[in-house]
Amino acid sequence: MQFKSLKNIESSFRQLRLFGIVYLCVCT
């Protein structure tokens, strides 16, 4: 269960990072 939670956090972090990159591309 802990591993599943960790995987979920990793997935959300990757999605957040991708959104950040897209946001930076739109800003500049």
PDB file of N, CA and C in Angstrom:
ATOM      1  N   MET A   1       0.837  -1.204   0.000  1.00  0.00           N
ATOM      2  CA  MET A   1       0.000   0.000   0.000  1.00  0.00           C
ATOM      3  C   MET A   1       0.874   1.258   0.000  1.00  0.00           C
ATOM      4  N   GLN A   2       1.941   1.203   0.768  1.00  0.00           N
ATOM      5  CA  GLN A   2       2.849   2.350   0.830  1.00  0.00           C
ATOM      6  C   GLN A   2       3.512   2.573  -0.534  1.00  0.00           C
ATOM      7  N   PHE A   3       3.867   1.465  -1.197  1.00  0.00           N
ATOM      8  CA  PHE A   3       4.492   1.555  -2.514  1.00  0.00           C
ATOM      9  C   PHE A   3       3.525   2.183  -3.523  1.00  0.00           C
ATOM     10  N   LYS A   4       2.240   1.810  -3.407  1.00  0.00           N
ATOM     11  CA  LYS A   4       1.226   2.353  -4.305  1.00  0.00           C
ATOM     12  C   LYS A   4       1.082   3.856  -4.094  1.00  0.00           C
ATOM     13  N   SER A   5       1.136   4.272  -2.840  1.00  0.00           N
ATOM     14  CA  SER A   5       1.028   5.693  -2.520  1.00  0.00           C
ATOM     15  C   SER A   5       2.227   6.454  -3.085  1.00  0.00           C
ATOM     16  N   LEU A   6       3.408   5.856  -2.948  1.00  0.00           N
ATOM     17  CA  LEU A   6       4.629   6.474  -3.459  1.00  0.00           C
ATOM     18  C   LEU A   6       4.555   6.610  -4.975  1.00  0.00           C
ATOM     19  N   LYS A   7       4.048   5.580  -5.629  1.00  0.00           N
ATOM     20  CA  LYS A   7       3.913   5.595  -7.086  1.00  0.00           C
ATOM     21  C   LYS A   7       2.936   6.696  -7.510  1.00  0.00           C
ATOM     22  N   ASN A   8       1.873   6.852  -6.742  1.00  0.00           N
ATOM     23  CA  ASN A   8       0.871   7.872  -7.045  1.00  0.00           C
ATOM     24  C   ASN A   8       1.475   9.269  -6.917  1.00  0.00           C
ATOM     25  N   ILE A   9       2.283   9.473  -5.879  1.00  0.00           N
ATOM     26  CA  ILE A   9       2.950  10.763  -5.667  1.00  0.00           C
ATOM     27  C   ILE A   9       3.923  11.045  -6.809  1.00  0.00           C
ATOM     28  N   GLU A  10       4.655  10.015  -7.235  1.00  0.00           N
ATOM     29  CA  GLU A  10       5.614  10.171  -8.332  1.00  0.00           C
ATOM     30  C   GLU A  10       4.886  10.549  -9.618  1.00  0.00           C
ATOM     31  N   SER A  11       3.753   9.903  -9.863  1.00  0.00           N
ATOM     32  CA  SER A  11       2.970  10.174 -11.068  1.00  0.00           C
ATOM     33  C   SER A  11       2.431  11.602 -11.064  1.00  0.00           C
ATOM     34  N   SER A  12       1.901  12.027  -9.924  1.00  0.00           N
ATOM     35  CA  SER A  12       1.354  13.382  -9.815  1.00  0.00           C
ATOM     36  C   SER A  12       2.462  14.422  -9.950  1.00  0.00           C
ATOM     37  N   PHE A  13       3.656  14.113  -9.393  1.00  0.00           N
ATOM     38  CA  PHE A  13       4.783  15.040  -9.491  1.00  0.00           C
ATOM     39  C   PHE A  13       5.228  15.189 -10.938  1.00  0.00           C
ATOM     40  N   ARG A  14       5.258  14.062 -11.666  1.00  0.00           N
ATOM     41  CA  ARG A  14       5.661  14.106 -13.069  1.00  0.00           C
ATOM     42  C   ARG A  14       4.656  14.922 -13.879  1.00  0.00           C
ATOM     43  N   GLN A  15       3.367  14.738 -13.581  1.00  0.00           N
ATOM     44  CA  GLN A  15       2.321  15.485 -14.284  1.00  0.00           C
ATOM     45  C   GLN A  15       2.441  16.972 -13.981  1.00  0.00           C
ATOM     46  N   LEU A  16       2.729  17.294 -12.719  1.00  0.00           N
ATOM     47  CA  LEU A  16       2.874  18.684 -12.308  1.00  0.00           C
ATOM     48  C   LEU A  16       4.074  19.322 -12.999  1.00  0.00           C
ATOM     49  N   ARG A  17       5.183  18.573 -13.104  1.00  0.00           N
ATOM     50  CA  ARG A  17       6.387  19.082 -13.762  1.00  0.00           C
ATOM     51  C   ARG A  17       6.111  19.333 -15.242  1.00  0.00           C
ATOM     52  N   LEU A  18       5.380  18.406 -15.872  1.00  0.00           N
ATOM     53  CA  LEU A  18       5.035  18.566 -17.282  1.00  0.00           C
ATOM     54  C   LEU A  18       4.183  19.817 -17.485  1.00  0.00           C
ATOM     55  N   PHE A  19       3.224  20.035 -16.580  1.00  0.00           N
ATOM     56  CA  PHE A  19       2.362  21.217 -16.645  1.00  0.00           C
ATOM     57  C   PHE A  19       3.196  22.486 -16.474  1.00  0.00           C
ATOM     58  N   GLY A  20       4.199  22.430 -15.600  1.00  0.00           N
ATOM     59  CA  GLY A  20       5.084  23.570 -15.376  1.00  0.00           C
ATOM     60  C   GLY A  20       5.889  23.912 -16.617  1.00  0.00           C
ATOM     61  N   ILE A  21       6.376  22.889 -17.308  1.00  0.00           N
ATOM     62  CA  ILE A  21       7.156  23.098 -18.534  1.00  0.00           C
ATOM     63  C   ILE A  21       6.275  23.742 -19.605  1.00  0.00           C
ATOM     64  N   VAL A  22       5.048  23.234 -19.737  1.00  0.00           N
ATOM     65  CA  VAL A  22       4.108  23.792 -20.719  1.00  0.00           C
ATOM     66  C   VAL A  22       3.795  25.247 -20.378  1.00  0.00           C
ATOM     67  N   TYR A  23       3.613  25.529 -19.088  1.00  0.00           N
ATOM     68  CA  TYR A  23       3.309  26.890 -18.639  1.00  0.00           C
ATOM     69  C   TYR A  23       4.464  27.837 -18.961  1.00  0.00           C
ATOM     70  N   LEU A  24       5.697  27.369 -18.750  1.00  0.00           N
ATOM     71  CA  LEU A  24       6.866  28.189 -19.066  1.00  0.00           C
ATOM     72  C   LEU A  24       6.946  28.463 -20.564  1.00  0.00           C
ATOM     73  N   CYS A  25       6.652  27.442 -21.374  1.00  0.00           N
ATOM     74  CA  CYS A  25       6.684  27.607 -22.832  1.00  0.00           C
ATOM     75  C   CYS A  25       5.646  28.634 -23.280  1.00  0.00           C
ATOM     76  N   VAL A  26       4.485  28.624 -22.646  1.00  0.00           N
ATOM     77  CA  VAL A  26       3.421  29.568 -23.010  1.00  0.00           C
ATOM     78  C   VAL A  26       3.789  30.984 -22.574  1.00  0.00           C
ATOM     79  N   CYS A  27       4.424  31.102 -21.414  1.00  0.00           N
ATOM     80  CA  CYS A  27       4.785  32.418 -20.876  1.00  0.00           C
ATOM     81  C   CYS A  27       5.826  33.120 -21.743  1.00  0.00           C
ATOM     82  N   THR A  28       6.828  32.384 -22.204  1.00  0.00           N
ATOM     83  CA  THR A  28       7.934  32.998 -22.940  1.00  0.00           C
ATOM     84  C   THR A  28       7.671  33.135 -24.424  1.00  0.00           C
TER      85      THR A  28
END
